[in-house]
C-alpha atoms as a PDB file:
ATOM      1  CA  MET A   1      -3.576  13.165 -53.622  1.00  0.00           C
ATOM      2  CA  GLU A   2      -7.319  12.722 -53.388  1.00  0.00           C
ATOM      3  CA  ASN A   3      -9.394  15.558 -51.975  1.00  0.00           C
ATOM      4  CA  PHE A   4     -10.710  14.944 -48.486  1.00  0.00           C
ATOM      5  CA  THR A   5     -11.904  16.659 -45.342  1.00  0.00           C
ATOM      6  CA  TYR A   6     -10.590  15.633 -41.939  1.00  0.00           C
ATOM      7  CA  HIS A   7     -12.417  16.720 -38.791  1.00  0.00           C
ATOM      8  CA  ASN A   8     -10.745  16.031 -35.438  1.00  0.00           C
ATOM      9  CA  PRO A   9     -12.418  17.814 -32.523  1.00  0.00           C
ATOM     10  CA  THR A  10     -10.236  17.872 -29.426  1.00  0.00           C
ATOM     11  CA  ARG A  11     -10.993  18.591 -25.798  1.00  0.00           C
ATOM     12  CA  ILE A  12      -8.019  19.131 -23.481  1.00  0.00           C
ATOM     13  CA  HIS A  13      -8.293  19.238 -19.688  1.00  0.00           C
ATOM     14  CA  PHE A  14      -5.566  21.096 -17.767  1.00  0.00           C
ATOM     15  CA  GLY A  15      -4.892  21.138 -14.017  1.00  0.00           C
ATOM     16  CA  ARG A  16      -5.010  18.951 -10.944  1.00  0.00           C
ATOM     17  CA  GLY A  17      -7.315  15.949 -10.964  1.00  0.00           C
ATOM     18  CA  GLN A  18      -8.012  16.164 -14.688  1.00  0.00           C
ATOM     19  CA  ILE A  19      -6.741  12.657 -15.483  1.00  0.00           C
ATOM     20  CA  ALA A  20      -9.763  11.266 -13.636  1.00  0.00           C
ATOM     21  CA  LYS A  21     -12.018  12.965 -16.219  1.00  0.00           C
ATOM     22  CA  ILE A  22     -10.731  10.679 -18.988  1.00  0.00           C
ATOM     23  CA  ASP A  23     -13.471   8.207 -18.066  1.00  0.00           C
ATOM     24  CA  GLN A  24     -16.164  10.775 -18.866  1.00  0.00           C
ATOM     25  CA  GLU A  25     -14.645  11.662 -22.252  1.00  0.00           C
ATOM     26  CA  LEU A  26     -14.320   8.222 -23.854  1.00  0.00           C
ATOM     27  CA  PRO A  27     -16.867   5.674 -25.051  1.00  0.00           C
ATOM     28  CA  ALA A  28     -17.049   2.518 -22.918  1.00  0.00           C
ATOM     29  CA  HIS A  29     -15.226   0.317 -25.462  1.00  0.00           C
ATOM     30  CA  ALA A  30     -12.675   2.860 -26.659  1.00  0.00           C
ATOM     31  CA  ARG A  31      -9.107   1.772 -27.338  1.00  0.00           C
ATOM     32  CA  VAL A  32      -6.439   4.098 -26.003  1.00  0.00           C
ATOM     33  CA  LEU A  33      -2.876   4.890 -27.032  1.00  0.00           C
ATOM     34  CA  LEU A  34      -0.738   6.890 -24.618  1.00  0.00           C
ATOM     35  CA  LEU A  35       2.241   8.651 -26.174  1.00  0.00           C
ATOM     36  CA  ALA A  36       5.154   9.637 -23.987  1.00  0.00           C
ATOM     37  CA  GLY A  37       8.805  10.515 -24.302  1.00  0.00           C
ATOM     38  CA  GLY A  38      11.653   8.804 -22.488  1.00  0.00           C
ATOM     39  CA  GLY A  39       9.546   6.849 -19.982  1.00  0.00           C
ATOM     40  CA  SER A  40       8.785   9.740 -17.613  1.00  0.00           C
ATOM     41  CA  ILE A  41       5.055   8.950 -17.769  1.00  0.00           C
ATOM     42  CA  LYS A  42       5.719   5.813 -15.690  1.00  0.00           C
ATOM     43  CA  GLN A  43       8.273   7.432 -13.380  1.00  0.00           C
ATOM     44  CA  ASN A  44       6.019  10.335 -12.378  1.00  0.00           C
ATOM     45  CA  GLY A  45       2.898   8.189 -11.853  1.00  0.00           C
ATOM     46  CA  VAL A  46       0.827   9.594 -14.727  1.00  0.00           C
ATOM     47  CA  TYR A  47       0.667   6.196 -16.466  1.00  0.00           C
ATOM     48  CA  ALA A  48      -0.753   4.521 -13.348  1.00  0.00           C
ATOM     49  CA  GLN A  49      -3.273   7.343 -12.877  1.00  0.00           C
ATOM     50  CA  ALA A  50      -4.391   7.076 -16.495  1.00  0.00           C
ATOM     51  CA  ARG A  51      -4.802   3.290 -16.289  1.00  0.00           C
ATOM     52  CA  GLN A  52      -6.908   3.667 -13.156  1.00  0.00           C
ATOM     53  CA  ALA A  53      -9.053   6.380 -14.755  1.00  0.00           C
ATOM     54  CA  LEU A  54      -9.580   4.231 -17.876  1.00  0.00           C
ATOM     55  CA  GLY A  55     -11.041   1.386 -15.817  1.00  0.00           C
ATOM     56  CA  GLY A  56     -12.059  -1.554 -18.025  1.00  0.00           C
ATOM     57  CA  ARG A  57     -10.695   0.090 -21.157  1.00  0.00           C
ATOM     58  CA  THR A  58      -7.175  -1.106 -20.366  1.00  0.00           C
ATOM     59  CA  ALA A  59      -7.616  -4.244 -22.529  1.00  0.00           C
ATOM     60  CA  GLY A  60      -6.806  -2.185 -25.611  1.00  0.00           C
ATOM     61  CA  LEU A  61      -4.295   0.098 -23.883  1.00  0.00           C
ATOM     62  CA  GLY A  62      -0.961   0.632 -25.564  1.00  0.00           C
ATOM     63  CA  LEU A  63       2.014   2.764 -24.563  1.00  0.00           C
ATOM     64  CA  ALA A  64       4.385   4.133 -27.176  1.00  0.00           C
ATOM     65  CA  HIS A  65       7.453   6.087 -26.165  1.00  0.00           C
ATOM     66  CA  ASP A  66      10.647   7.301 -27.743  1.00  0.00           C
ATOM     67  CA  ARG A  67      13.835   5.831 -26.293  1.00  0.00           C
ATOM     68  CA  ALA A  68      16.141   7.728 -28.684  1.00  0.00           C
END
């Protein structure tokens, strides 16, 4: 394996109303991948909230989930 350095700074928001802050954290033309298990993200409304918070970024939005 080649030597390399990987830097991945992460900011995590916890609590009520934090999904709305996604818009402030991402560049205007960012592509987004939401990862979820079993489909609960759609059932509990988080997916819809995230799409709304992402505004115009939804063109590159993908949803991956595990159905196993």
